[in-house]
Amino acid sequence: GAWPPPADAAWHIALQGDPGGVIPGVSVYEVDLFDVSADQINARRNAGATVICYFSGGTHEDWRSDANQFPADAVGNALGDWPGERWLDISNLDAVGPVMANRIALAADKGCDAVDPDN
């Protein structure tokens, strides 16, 4: 279900790379699913924070470890400002759905409290 964060929650958003260590006073972290380890996620959760794991749910990113799981006919036009990123045909659920389900399962395995499927 939906989770409404408290209006006064202090956020730290790092959608790329290593998000660094636990920051005192931060109650919500949003981190890249592929760039953080379960240990990093658990350290934040153990400090009482909520961890949201971001991933692209609408684009193919050629640097991701699961990029080769998308069939060519599900990969579309390039995003002009994002080298290596192309739109996905999200209406092709037979091709895209299993990869996204695996990403959600990875988030659960790593201990994420929630996911943010962007794009």
PDB file of N, CA and C in Angstrom:
ATOM      1  N   GLY A   1       0.796  -1.176   0.000  1.00  0.00           N
ATOM      2  CA  GLY A   1       0.000   0.000   0.000  1.00  0.00           C
ATOM      3  C   GLY A   1       0.852   1.258   0.000  1.00  0.00           C
ATOM      4  N   ALA A   2       0.207   2.353  -0.101  1.00  0.00           N
ATOM      5  CA  ALA A   2       0.892   3.645  -0.120  1.00  0.00           C
ATOM      6  C   ALA A   2       1.372   3.995   1.283  1.00  0.00           C
ATOM      7  N   TRP A   3       2.510   4.651   1.346  1.00  0.00           N
ATOM      8  CA  TRP A   3       3.087   5.087   2.612  1.00  0.00           C
ATOM      9  C   TRP A   3       3.270   6.592   2.563  1.00  0.00           C
ATOM     10  N   PRO A   4       2.523   7.325   3.349  1.00  0.00           N
ATOM     11  CA  PRO A   4       2.729   8.777   3.376  1.00  0.00           C
ATOM     12  C   PRO A   4       3.828   9.127   4.382  1.00  0.00           C
ATOM     13  N   PRO A   5       4.961   9.638   3.918  1.00  0.00           N
ATOM     14  CA  PRO A   5       6.005  10.034   4.874  1.00  0.00           C
ATOM     15  C   PRO A   5       5.526  11.215   5.703  1.00  0.00           C
ATOM     16  N   PRO A   6       6.024  11.329   6.913  1.00  0.00           N
ATOM     17  CA  PRO A   6       5.649  12.489   7.731  1.00  0.00           C
ATOM     18  C   PRO A   6       6.033  13.788   7.026  1.00  0.00           C
ATOM     19  N   ALA A   7       5.220  14.809   7.188  1.00  0.00           N
ATOM     20  CA  ALA A   7       5.466  16.086   6.513  1.00  0.00           C
ATOM     21  C   ALA A   7       6.798  16.699   6.902  1.00  0.00           C
ATOM     22  N   ASP A   8       7.280  16.415   8.103  1.00  0.00           N
ATOM     23  CA  ASP A   8       8.535  17.002   8.555  1.00  0.00           C
ATOM     24  C   ASP A   8       9.733  16.054   8.408  1.00  0.00           C
ATOM     25  N   ALA A   9       9.573  14.984   7.646  1.00  0.00           N
ATOM     26  CA  ALA A   9      10.659  14.016   7.472  1.00  0.00           C
ATOM     27  C   ALA A   9      11.854  14.664   6.774  1.00  0.00           C
ATOM     28  N   ALA A  10      13.043  14.362   7.276  1.00  0.00           N
ATOM     29  CA  ALA A  10      14.283  14.820   6.635  1.00  0.00           C
ATOM     30  C   ALA A  10      14.721  13.736   5.654  1.00  0.00           C
ATOM     31  N   TRP A  11      14.884  14.126   4.385  1.00  0.00           N
ATOM     32  CA  TRP A  11      15.207  13.191   3.315  1.00  0.00           C
ATOM     33  C   TRP A  11      16.653  13.347   2.880  1.00  0.00           C
ATOM     34  N   HIS A  12      17.217  12.232   2.403  1.00  0.00           N
ATOM     35  CA  HIS A  12      18.495  12.252   1.689  1.00  0.00           C
ATOM     36  C   HIS A  12      18.280  11.410   0.439  1.00  0.00           C
ATOM     37  N   ILE A  13      18.420  12.050  -0.718  1.00  0.00           N
ATOM     38  CA  ILE A  13      18.179  11.369  -1.985  1.00  0.00           C
ATOM     39  C   ILE A  13      19.486  11.279  -2.747  1.00  0.00           C
ATOM     40  N   ALA A  14      19.889  10.048  -3.067  1.00  0.00           N
ATOM     41  CA  ALA A  14      21.109   9.797  -3.844  1.00  0.00           C
ATOM     42  C   ALA A  14      20.751   8.782  -4.915  1.00  0.00           C
ATOM     43  N   LEU A  15      20.389   9.259  -6.107  1.00  0.00           N
ATOM     44  CA  LEU A  15      19.900   8.377  -7.163  1.00  0.00           C
ATOM     45  C   LEU A  15      21.008   7.805  -8.031  1.00  0.00           C
ATOM     46  N   GLN A  16      22.236   8.016  -7.627  1.00  0.00           N
ATOM     47  CA  GLN A  16      23.350   7.487  -8.404  1.00  0.00           C
ATOM     48  C   GLN A  16      24.553   7.329  -7.488  1.00  0.00           C
ATOM     49  N   GLY A  17      25.234   6.221  -7.601  1.00  0.00           N
ATOM     50  CA  GLY A  17      26.461   6.022  -6.854  1.00  0.00           C
ATOM     51  C   GLY A  17      26.243   5.685  -5.394  1.00  0.00           C
ATOM     52  N   ASP A  18      27.343   5.700  -4.655  1.00  0.00           N
ATOM     53  CA  ASP A  18      27.339   5.391  -3.223  1.00  0.00           C
ATOM     54  C   ASP A  18      26.727   6.549  -2.455  1.00  0.00           C
ATOM     55  N   PRO A  19      25.651   6.295  -1.693  1.00  0.00           N
ATOM     56  CA  PRO A  19      24.980   7.381  -0.985  1.00  0.00           C
ATOM     57  C   PRO A  19      25.714   7.852   0.273  1.00  0.00           C
ATOM     58  N   GLY A  20      26.863   7.272   0.573  1.00  0.00           N
ATOM     59  CA  GLY A  20      27.586   7.654   1.778  1.00  0.00           C
ATOM     60  C   GLY A  20      27.038   6.929   2.999  1.00  0.00           C
ATOM     61  N   GLY A  21      27.450   7.359   4.162  1.00  0.00           N
ATOM     62  CA  GLY A  21      27.045   6.700   5.394  1.00  0.00           C
ATOM     63  C   GLY A  21      25.727   7.211   5.934  1.00  0.00           C
ATOM     64  N   VAL A  22      25.412   6.729   7.125  1.00  0.00           N
ATOM     65  CA  VAL A  22      24.195   7.149   7.814  1.00  0.00           C
ATOM     66  C   VAL A  22      24.365   8.605   8.239  1.00  0.00           C
ATOM     67  N   ILE A  23      23.359   9.415   7.988  1.00  0.00           N
ATOM     68  CA  ILE A  23      23.398  10.842   8.298  1.00  0.00           C
ATOM     69  C   ILE A  23      22.470  11.100   9.484  1.00  0.00           C
ATOM     70  N   PRO A  24      23.006  11.646  10.576  1.00  0.00           N
ATOM     71  CA  PRO A  24      22.151  11.928  11.737  1.00  0.00           C
ATOM     72  C   PRO A  24      20.970  12.826  11.356  1.00  0.00           C
ATOM     73  N   GLY A  25      19.786  12.465  11.855  1.00  0.00           N
ATOM     74  CA  GLY A  25      18.593  13.263  11.625  1.00  0.00           C
ATOM     75  C   GLY A  25      17.824  12.924  10.366  1.00  0.00           C
ATOM     76  N   VAL A  26      18.413  12.141   9.463  1.00  0.00           N
ATOM     77  CA  VAL A  26      17.704  11.765   8.239  1.00  0.00           C
ATOM     78  C   VAL A  26      16.783  10.591   8.555  1.00  0.00           C
ATOM     79  N   SER A  27      15.514  10.735   8.195  1.00  0.00           N
ATOM     80  CA  SER A  27      14.555   9.671   8.470  1.00  0.00           C
ATOM     81  C   SER A  27      14.097   8.927   7.220  1.00  0.00           C
ATOM     82  N   VAL A  28      14.386   9.471   6.022  1.00  0.00           N
ATOM     83  CA  VAL A  28      14.033   8.804   4.775  1.00  0.00           C
ATOM     84  C   VAL A  28      15.202   8.927   3.802  1.00  0.00           C
ATOM     85  N   TYR A  29      15.639   7.800   3.294  1.00  0.00           N
ATOM     86  CA  TYR A  29      16.670   7.754   2.257  1.00  0.00           C
ATOM     87  C   TYR A  29      16.039   7.220   0.981  1.00  0.00           C
ATOM     88  N   GLU A  30      16.395   7.832  -0.132  1.00  0.00           N
ATOM     89  CA  GLU A  30      16.056   7.245  -1.426  1.00  0.00           C
ATOM     90  C   GLU A  30      17.366   6.986  -2.129  1.00  0.00           C
ATOM     91  N   VAL A  31      17.595   5.722  -2.479  1.00  0.00           N
ATOM     92  CA  VAL A  31      18.875   5.301  -3.035  1.00  0.00           C
ATOM     93  C   VAL A  31      18.657   4.464  -4.287  1.00  0.00           C
ATOM     94  N   ASP A  32      19.676   4.390  -5.124  1.00  0.00           N
ATOM     95  CA  ASP A  32      19.629   3.577  -6.330  1.00  0.00           C
ATOM     96  C   ASP A  32      19.696   2.099  -5.950  1.00  0.00           C
ATOM     97  N   LEU A  33      18.731   1.327  -6.389  1.00  0.00           N
ATOM     98  CA  LEU A  33      18.648  -0.091  -6.068  1.00  0.00           C
ATOM     99  C   LEU A  33      19.930  -0.839  -6.398  1.00  0.00           C
ATOM    100  N   PHE A  34      20.539  -0.505  -7.529  1.00  0.00           N
ATOM    101  CA  PHE A  34      21.704  -1.250  -7.992  1.00  0.00           C
ATOM    102  C   PHE A  34      23.011  -0.756  -7.379  1.00  0.00           C
ATOM    103  N   ASP A  35      23.028   0.452  -6.858  1.00  0.00           N
ATOM    104  CA  ASP A  35      24.270   1.053  -6.368  1.00  0.00           C
ATOM    105  C   ASP A  35      24.491   0.906  -4.869  1.00  0.00           C
ATOM    106  N   VAL A  36      23.550   0.319  -4.157  1.00  0.00           N
ATOM    107  CA  VAL A  36      23.697   0.150  -2.710  1.00  0.00           C
ATOM    108  C   VAL A  36      23.639  -1.334  -2.348  1.00  0.00           C
ATOM    109  N   SER A  37      24.293  -1.660  -1.268  1.00  0.00           N
ATOM    110  CA  SER A  37      24.300  -3.038  -0.788  1.00  0.00           C
ATOM    111  C   SER A  37      23.237  -3.219   0.295  1.00  0.00           C
ATOM    112  N   ALA A  38      22.950  -4.470   0.583  1.00  0.00           N
ATOM    113  CA  ALA A  38      22.025  -4.773   1.672  1.00  0.00           C
ATOM    114  C   ALA A  38      22.572  -4.227   2.992  1.00  0.00           C
ATOM    115  N   ASP A  39      23.885  -4.273   3.174  1.00  0.00           N
ATOM    116  CA  ASP A  39      24.483  -3.740   4.406  1.00  0.00           C
ATOM    117  C   ASP A  39      24.239  -2.244   4.541  1.00  0.00           C
ATOM    118  N   GLN A  40      24.374  -1.499   3.431  1.00  0.00           N
ATOM    119  CA  GLN A  40      24.132  -0.051   3.470  1.00  0.00           C
ATOM    120  C   GLN A  40      22.665   0.233   3.795  1.00  0.00           C
ATOM    121  N   ILE A  41      21.781  -0.525   3.200  1.00  0.00           N
ATOM    122  CA  ILE A  41      20.346  -0.351   3.467  1.00  0.00           C
ATOM    123  C   ILE A  41      20.041  -0.676   4.922  1.00  0.00           C
ATOM    124  N   ASN A  42      20.563  -1.792   5.397  1.00  0.00           N
ATOM    125  CA  ASN A  42      20.289  -2.203   6.773  1.00  0.00           C
ATOM    126  C   ASN A  42      20.867  -1.235   7.791  1.00  0.00           C
ATOM    127  N   ALA A  43      22.008  -0.616   7.503  1.00  0.00           N
ATOM    128  CA  ALA A  43      22.569   0.376   8.422  1.00  0.00           C
ATOM    129  C   ALA A  43      21.613   1.550   8.592  1.00  0.00           C
ATOM    130  N   ARG A  44      20.990   1.980   7.512  1.00  0.00           N
ATOM    131  CA  ARG A  44      20.037   3.081   7.583  1.00  0.00           C
ATOM    132  C   ARG A  44      18.767   2.660   8.319  1.00  0.00           C
ATOM    133  N   ARG A  45      18.300   1.474   8.028  1.00  0.00           N
ATOM    134  CA  ARG A  45      17.096   0.980   8.710  1.00  0.00           C
ATOM    135  C   ARG A  45      17.364   0.784  10.201  1.00  0.00           C
ATOM    136  N   ASN A  46      18.546   0.278  10.540  1.00  0.00           N
ATOM    137  CA  ASN A  46      18.896   0.084  11.951  1.00  0.00           C
ATOM    138  C   ASN A  46      18.985   1.406  12.706  1.00  0.00           C
ATOM    139  N   ALA A  47      19.219   2.498  11.964  1.00  0.00           N
ATOM    140  CA  ALA A  47      19.248   3.839  12.574  1.00  0.00           C
ATOM    141  C   ALA A  47      17.841   4.436  12.666  1.00  0.00           C
ATOM    142  N   GLY A  48      16.835   3.655  12.265  1.00  0.00           N
ATOM    143  CA  GLY A  48      15.449   4.104  12.384  1.00  0.00           C
ATOM    144  C   GLY A  48      14.885   4.769  11.151  1.00  0.00           C
ATOM    145  N   ALA A  49      15.627   4.741  10.049  1.00  0.00           N
ATOM    146  CA  ALA A  49      15.175   5.395   8.822  1.00  0.00           C
ATOM    147  C   ALA A  49      14.399   4.436   7.922  1.00  0.00           C
ATOM    148  N   THR A  50      13.626   5.007   7.041  1.00  0.00           N
ATOM    149  CA  THR A  50      12.950   4.286   5.977  1.00  0.00           C
ATOM    150  C   THR A  50      13.806   4.400   4.728  1.00  0.00           C
ATOM    151  N   VAL A  51      13.958   3.287   3.998  1.00  0.00           N
ATOM    152  CA  VAL A  51      14.788   3.284   2.792  1.00  0.00           C
ATOM    153  C   VAL A  51      13.920   2.946   1.580  1.00  0.00           C
ATOM    154  N   ILE A  52      13.920   3.875   0.630  1.00  0.00           N
ATOM    155  CA  ILE A  52      13.208   3.705  -0.634  1.00  0.00           C
ATOM    156  C   ILE A  52      14.250   3.417  -1.707  1.00  0.00           C
ATOM    157  N   CYS A  53      14.044   2.367  -2.470  1.00  0.00           N
ATOM    158  CA  CYS A  53      14.990   2.008  -3.526  1.00  0.00           C
ATOM    159  C   CYS A  53      14.428   2.399  -4.888  1.00  0.00           C
ATOM    160  N   TYR A  54      15.182   3.239  -5.556  1.00  0.00           N
ATOM    161  CA  TYR A  54      14.836   3.762  -6.872  1.00  0.00           C
ATOM    162  C   TYR A  54      15.338   2.816  -7.958  1.00  0.00           C
ATOM    163  N   PHE A  55      14.534   2.662  -9.006  1.00  0.00           N
ATOM    164  CA  PHE A  55      15.003   2.043 -10.251  1.00  0.00           C
ATOM    165  C   PHE A  55      14.146   2.592 -11.378  1.00  0.00           C
ATOM    166  N   SER A  56      14.650   2.507 -12.584  1.00  0.00           N
ATOM    167  CA  SER A  56      13.874   2.967 -13.723  1.00  0.00           C
ATOM    168  C   SER A  56      12.912   1.863 -14.139  1.00  0.00           C
ATOM    169  N   GLY A  57      11.637   2.174 -14.098  1.00  0.00           N
ATOM    170  CA  GLY A  57      10.619   1.228 -14.515  1.00  0.00           C
ATOM    171  C   GLY A  57      10.164   1.443 -15.946  1.00  0.00           C
ATOM    172  N   GLY A  58      10.687   2.471 -16.606  1.00  0.00           N
ATOM    173  CA  GLY A  58      10.232   2.780 -17.955  1.00  0.00           C
ATOM    174  C   GLY A  58      11.331   2.963 -18.973  1.00  0.00           C
ATOM    175  N   THR A  59      12.581   2.757 -18.544  1.00  0.00           N
ATOM    176  CA  THR A  59      13.680   2.896 -19.503  1.00  0.00           C
ATOM    177  C   THR A  59      14.662   1.742 -19.375  1.00  0.00           C
ATOM    178  N   HIS A  60      15.343   1.485 -20.464  1.00  0.00           N
ATOM    179  CA  HIS A  60      16.444   0.518 -20.535  1.00  0.00           C
ATOM    180  C   HIS A  60      17.724   1.305 -20.329  1.00  0.00           C
ATOM    181  N   GLU A  61      18.491   0.937 -19.342  1.00  0.00           N
ATOM    182  CA  GLU A  61      19.764   1.593 -19.053  1.00  0.00           C
ATOM    183  C   GLU A  61      20.860   0.573 -19.359  1.00  0.00           C
ATOM    184  N   ASP A  62      21.675   0.854 -20.356  1.00  0.00           N
ATOM    185  CA  ASP A  62      22.608  -0.165 -20.847  1.00  0.00           C
ATOM    186  C   ASP A  62      23.689  -0.556 -19.856  1.00  0.00           C
ATOM    187  N   TRP A  63      23.846   0.167 -18.767  1.00  0.00           N
ATOM    188  CA  TRP A  63      24.863  -0.146 -17.764  1.00  0.00           C
ATOM    189  C   TRP A  63      24.341  -1.029 -16.635  1.00  0.00           C
ATOM    190  N   ARG A  64      23.053  -1.300 -16.610  1.00  0.00           N
ATOM    191  CA  ARG A  64      22.486  -2.106 -15.524  1.00  0.00           C
ATOM    192  C   ARG A  64      22.808  -3.585 -15.726  1.00  0.00           C
ATOM    193  N   SER A  65      22.947  -4.295 -14.620  1.00  0.00           N
ATOM    194  CA  SER A  65      23.307  -5.716 -14.679  1.00  0.00           C
ATOM    195  C   SER A  65      22.234  -6.573 -15.361  1.00  0.00           C
ATOM    196  N   ASP A  66      21.014  -6.094 -15.418  1.00  0.00           N
ATOM    197  CA  ASP A  66      19.941  -6.862 -16.054  1.00  0.00           C
ATOM    198  C   ASP A  66      19.553  -6.321 -17.434  1.00  0.00           C
ATOM    199  N   ALA A  67      20.351  -5.421 -17.992  1.00  0.00           N
ATOM    200  CA  ALA A  67      20.018  -4.781 -19.278  1.00  0.00           C
ATOM    201  C   ALA A  67      19.817  -5.800 -20.393  1.00  0.00           C
ATOM    202  N   ASN A  68      20.557  -6.895 -20.356  1.00  0.00           N
ATOM    203  CA  ASN A  68      20.460  -7.887 -21.429  1.00  0.00           C
ATOM    204  C   ASN A  68      19.198  -8.746 -21.334  1.00  0.00           C
ATOM    205  N   GLN A  69      18.407  -8.560 -20.299  1.00  0.00           N
ATOM    206  CA  GLN A  69      17.176  -9.340 -20.146  1.00  0.00           C
ATOM    207  C   GLN A  69      16.000  -8.767 -20.937  1.00  0.00           C
ATOM    208  N   PHE A  70      16.148  -7.544 -21.465  1.00  0.00           N
ATOM    209  CA  PHE A  70      15.083  -6.951 -22.270  1.00  0.00           C
ATOM    210  C   PHE A  70      15.261  -7.341 -23.730  1.00  0.00           C
ATOM    211  N   PRO A  71      14.229  -7.875 -24.368  1.00  0.00           N
ATOM    212  CA  PRO A  71      14.337  -8.159 -25.798  1.00  0.00           C
ATOM    213  C   PRO A  71      14.393  -6.862 -26.602  1.00  0.00           C
ATOM    214  N   ALA A  72      15.055  -6.916 -27.734  1.00  0.00           N
ATOM    215  CA  ALA A  72      15.269  -5.718 -28.556  1.00  0.00           C
ATOM    216  C   ALA A  72      13.957  -5.037 -28.929  1.00  0.00           C
ATOM    217  N   ASP A  73      12.886  -5.802 -29.152  1.00  0.00           N
ATOM    218  CA  ASP A  73      11.630  -5.176 -29.580  1.00  0.00           C
ATOM    219  C   ASP A  73      10.921  -4.423 -28.453  1.00  0.00           C
ATOM    220  N   ALA A  74      11.428  -4.521 -27.230  1.00  0.00           N
ATOM    221  CA  ALA A  74      10.855  -3.765 -26.115  1.00  0.00           C
ATOM    222  C   ALA A  74      11.629  -2.473 -25.854  1.00  0.00           C
ATOM    223  N   VAL A  75      12.762  -2.298 -26.537  1.00  0.00           N
ATOM    224  CA  VAL A  75      13.627  -1.136 -26.327  1.00  0.00           C
ATOM    225  C   VAL A  75      13.376  -0.137 -27.450  1.00  0.00           C
ATOM    226  N   GLY A  76      13.083   1.119 -27.059  1.00  0.00           N
ATOM    227  CA  GLY A  76      12.702   2.122 -28.044  1.00  0.00           C
ATOM    228  C   GLY A  76      13.707   3.234 -28.214  1.00  0.00           C
ATOM    229  N   ASN A  77      13.193   4.436 -28.386  1.00  0.00           N
ATOM    230  CA  ASN A  77      14.011   5.614 -28.681  1.00  0.00           C
ATOM    231  C   ASN A  77      14.884   6.030 -27.509  1.00  0.00           C
ATOM    232  N   ALA A  78      15.995   6.672 -27.850  1.00  0.00           N
ATOM    233  CA  ALA A  78      16.937   7.165 -26.845  1.00  0.00           C
ATOM    234  C   ALA A  78      16.356   8.373 -26.114  1.00  0.00           C
ATOM    235  N   LEU A  79      16.752   8.525 -24.863  1.00  0.00           N
ATOM    236  CA  LEU A  79      16.447   9.735 -24.103  1.00  0.00           C
ATOM    237  C   LEU A  79      17.558  10.725 -24.413  1.00  0.00           C
ATOM    238  N   GLY A  80      17.221  11.878 -24.946  1.00  0.00           N
ATOM    239  CA  GLY A  80      18.201  12.822 -25.455  1.00  0.00           C
ATOM    240  C   GLY A  80      19.278  13.238 -24.477  1.00  0.00           C
ATOM    241  N   ASP A  81      18.935  13.439 -23.218  1.00  0.00           N
ATOM    242  CA  ASP A  81      19.903  13.936 -22.242  1.00  0.00           C
ATOM    243  C   ASP A  81      20.564  12.840 -21.418  1.00  0.00           C
ATOM    244  N   TRP A  82      20.269  11.595 -21.707  1.00  0.00           N
ATOM    245  CA  TRP A  82      20.754  10.494 -20.880  1.00  0.00           C
ATOM    246  C   TRP A  82      21.426   9.435 -21.751  1.00  0.00           C
ATOM    247  N   PRO A  83      22.715   9.554 -21.991  1.00  0.00           N
ATOM    248  CA  PRO A  83      23.423   8.565 -22.829  1.00  0.00           C
ATOM    249  C   PRO A  83      23.263   7.144 -22.276  1.00  0.00           C
ATOM    250  N   GLY A  84      22.991   6.212 -23.175  1.00  0.00           N
ATOM    251  CA  GLY A  84      22.851   4.814 -22.783  1.00  0.00           C
ATOM    252  C   GLY A  84      21.479   4.443 -22.268  1.00  0.00           C
ATOM    253  N   GLU A  85      20.544   5.398 -22.299  1.00  0.00           N
ATOM    254  CA  GLU A  85      19.197   5.136 -21.780  1.00  0.00           C
ATOM    255  C   GLU A  85      18.186   5.271 -22.914  1.00  0.00           C
ATOM    256  N   ARG A  86      17.288   4.261 -22.989  1.00  0.00           N
ATOM    257  CA  ARG A  86      16.266   4.232 -24.036  1.00  0.00           C
ATOM    258  C   ARG A  86      14.915   3.905 -23.393  1.00  0.00           C
ATOM    259  N   TRP A  87      13.864   4.424 -23.996  1.00  0.00           N
ATOM    260  CA  TRP A  87      12.517   4.134 -23.501  1.00  0.00           C
ATOM    261  C   TRP A  87      12.203   2.655 -23.671  1.00  0.00           C
ATOM    262  N   LEU A  88      11.400   2.134 -22.751  1.00  0.00           N
ATOM    263  CA  LEU A  88      10.891   0.771 -22.861  1.00  0.00           C
ATOM    264  C   LEU A  88       9.431   0.811 -23.285  1.00  0.00           C
ATOM    265  N   ASP A  89       9.023  -0.202 -24.025  1.00  0.00           N
ATOM    266  CA  ASP A  89       7.616  -0.368 -24.365  1.00  0.00           C
ATOM    267  C   ASP A  89       6.958  -1.081 -23.190  1.00  0.00           C
ATOM    268  N   ILE A  90       6.470  -0.293 -22.224  1.00  0.00           N
ATOM    269  CA  ILE A  90       5.920  -0.894 -21.010  1.00  0.00           C
ATOM    270  C   ILE A  90       4.582  -1.594 -21.259  1.00  0.00           C
ATOM    271  N   SER A  91       3.999  -1.403 -22.451  1.00  0.00           N
ATOM    272  CA  SER A  91       2.784  -2.154 -22.774  1.00  0.00           C
ATOM    273  C   SER A  91       3.121  -3.597 -23.141  1.00  0.00           C
ATOM    274  N   ASN A  92       4.387  -3.885 -23.385  1.00  0.00           N
ATOM    275  CA  ASN A  92       4.849  -5.238 -23.688  1.00  0.00           C
ATOM    276  C   ASN A  92       5.175  -5.937 -22.360  1.00  0.00           C
ATOM    277  N   LEU A  93       4.137  -6.263 -21.611  1.00  0.00           N
ATOM    278  CA  LEU A  93       4.325  -6.827 -20.275  1.00  0.00           C
ATOM    279  C   LEU A  93       5.018  -8.176 -20.278  1.00  0.00           C
ATOM    280  N   ASP A  94       4.860  -8.947 -21.362  1.00  0.00           N
ATOM    281  CA  ASP A  94       5.540 -10.245 -21.416  1.00  0.00           C
ATOM    282  C   ASP A  94       7.052 -10.071 -21.402  1.00  0.00           C
ATOM    283  N   ALA A  95       7.540  -8.966 -21.978  1.00  0.00           N
ATOM    284  CA  ALA A  95       8.982  -8.718 -22.042  1.00  0.00           C
ATOM    285  C   ALA A  95       9.487  -7.912 -20.850  1.00  0.00           C
ATOM    286  N   VAL A  96       8.758  -6.887 -20.484  1.00  0.00           N
ATOM    287  CA  VAL A  96       9.214  -5.941 -19.463  1.00  0.00           C
ATOM    288  C   VAL A  96       8.817  -6.385 -18.047  1.00  0.00           C
ATOM    289  N   GLY A  97       7.645  -6.963 -17.915  1.00  0.00           N
ATOM    290  CA  GLY A  97       7.126  -7.336 -16.604  1.00  0.00           C
ATOM    291  C   GLY A  97       8.041  -8.216 -15.766  1.00  0.00           C
ATOM    292  N   PRO A  98       8.583  -9.305 -16.332  1.00  0.00           N
ATOM    293  CA  PRO A  98       9.454 -10.161 -15.514  1.00  0.00           C
ATOM    294  C   PRO A  98      10.720  -9.455 -15.016  1.00  0.00           C
ATOM    295  N   VAL A  99      11.278  -8.571 -15.812  1.00  0.00           N
ATOM    296  CA  VAL A  99      12.476  -7.843 -15.380  1.00  0.00           C
ATOM    297  C   VAL A  99      12.122  -6.924 -14.217  1.00  0.00           C
ATOM    298  N   MET A 100      10.982  -6.244 -14.312  1.00  0.00           N
ATOM    299  CA  MET A 100      10.561  -5.359 -13.228  1.00  0.00           C
ATOM    300  C   MET A 100      10.214  -6.154 -11.975  1.00  0.00           C
ATOM    301  N   ALA A 101       9.600  -7.318 -12.147  1.00  0.00           N
ATOM    302  CA  ALA A 101       9.307  -8.174 -10.991  1.00  0.00           C
ATOM    303  C   ALA A 101      10.607  -8.601 -10.309  1.00  0.00           C
ATOM    304  N   ASN A 102      11.630  -8.908 -11.095  1.00  0.00           N
ATOM    305  CA  ASN A 102      12.932  -9.269 -10.526  1.00  0.00           C
ATOM    306  C   ASN A 102      13.547  -8.089  -9.778  1.00  0.00           C
ATOM    307  N   ARG A 103      13.368  -6.875 -10.288  1.00  0.00           N
ATOM    308  CA  ARG A 103      13.898  -5.697  -9.600  1.00  0.00           C
ATOM    309  C   ARG A 103      13.202  -5.493  -8.259  1.00  0.00           C
ATOM    310  N   ILE A 104      11.897  -5.686  -8.234  1.00  0.00           N
ATOM    311  CA  ILE A 104      11.159  -5.554  -6.975  1.00  0.00           C
ATOM    312  C   ILE A 104      11.592  -6.640  -5.994  1.00  0.00           C
ATOM    313  N   ALA A 105      11.808  -7.855  -6.496  1.00  0.00           N
ATOM    314  CA  ALA A 105      12.291  -8.938  -5.629  1.00  0.00           C
ATOM    315  C   ALA A 105      13.687  -8.617  -5.095  1.00  0.00           C
ATOM    316  N   LEU A 106      14.558  -8.030  -5.924  1.00  0.00           N
ATOM    317  CA  LEU A 106      15.892  -7.631  -5.474  1.00  0.00           C
ATOM    318  C   LEU A 106      15.781  -6.587  -4.365  1.00  0.00           C
ATOM    319  N   ALA A 107      14.869  -5.632  -4.525  1.00  0.00           N
ATOM    320  CA  ALA A 107      14.661  -4.617  -3.497  1.00  0.00           C
ATOM    321  C   ALA A 107      14.229  -5.268  -2.184  1.00  0.00           C
ATOM    322  N   ALA A 108      13.338  -6.224  -2.262  1.00  0.00           N
ATOM    323  CA  ALA A 108      12.898  -6.928  -1.051  1.00  0.00           C
ATOM    324  C   ALA A 108      14.056  -7.707  -0.441  1.00  0.00           C
ATOM    325  N   ASP A 109      14.830  -8.386  -1.271  1.00  0.00           N
ATOM    326  CA  ASP A 109      15.977  -9.161  -0.774  1.00  0.00           C
ATOM    327  C   ASP A 109      17.003  -8.271  -0.090  1.00  0.00           C
ATOM    328  N   LYS A 110      17.195  -7.067  -0.600  1.00  0.00           N
ATOM    329  CA  LYS A 110      18.168  -6.149  -0.012  1.00  0.00           C
ATOM    330  C   LYS A 110      17.644  -5.459   1.242  1.00  0.00           C
ATOM    331  N   GLY A 111      16.339  -5.532   1.482  1.00  0.00           N
ATOM    332  CA  GLY A 111      15.760  -4.934   2.683  1.00  0.00           C
ATOM    333  C   GLY A 111      15.148  -3.562   2.486  1.00  0.00           C
ATOM    334  N   CYS A 112      14.898  -3.166   1.253  1.00  0.00           N
ATOM    335  CA  CYS A 112      14.263  -1.870   0.995  1.00  0.00           C
ATOM    336  C   CYS A 112      12.862  -1.867   1.596  1.00  0.00           C
ATOM    337  N   ASP A 113      12.475  -0.731   2.154  1.00  0.00           N
ATOM    338  CA  ASP A 113      11.127  -0.597   2.701  1.00  0.00           C
ATOM    339  C   ASP A 113      10.095  -0.330   1.613  1.00  0.00           C
ATOM    340  N   ALA A 114      10.537   0.280   0.525  1.00  0.00           N
ATOM    341  CA  ALA A 114       9.632   0.651  -0.572  1.00  0.00           C
ATOM    342  C   ALA A 114      10.454   0.777  -1.842  1.00  0.00           C
ATOM    343  N   VAL A 115       9.771   0.886  -2.975  1.00  0.00           N
ATOM    344  CA  VAL A 115      10.433   1.100  -4.254  1.00  0.00           C
ATOM    345  C   VAL A 115       9.857   2.354  -4.910  1.00  0.00           C
ATOM    346  N   ASP A 116      10.695   2.965  -5.746  1.00  0.00           N
ATOM    347  CA  ASP A 116      10.298   4.114  -6.555  1.00  0.00           C
ATOM    348  C   ASP A 116      10.632   3.781  -8.000  1.00  0.00           C
ATOM    349  N   PRO A 117       9.688   3.183  -8.739  1.00  0.00           N
ATOM    350  CA  PRO A 117       9.932   2.890 -10.148  1.00  0.00           C
ATOM    351  C   PRO A 117       9.719   4.154 -10.982  1.00  0.00           C
ATOM    352  N   ASP A 118      10.790   4.779 -11.362  1.00  0.00           N
ATOM    353  CA  ASP A 118      10.779   6.073 -12.072  1.00  0.00           C
ATOM    354  C   ASP A 118      10.517   5.862 -13.559  1.00  0.00           C
ATOM    355  N   ASN A 119      10.292   6.966 -14.254  1.00  0.00           N
ATOM    356  CA  ASN A 119      10.085   7.004 -15.713  1.00  0.00           C
ATOM    357  C   ASN A 119       8.859   6.226 -16.129  1.00  0.00           C
TER     358      ASN A 119
END
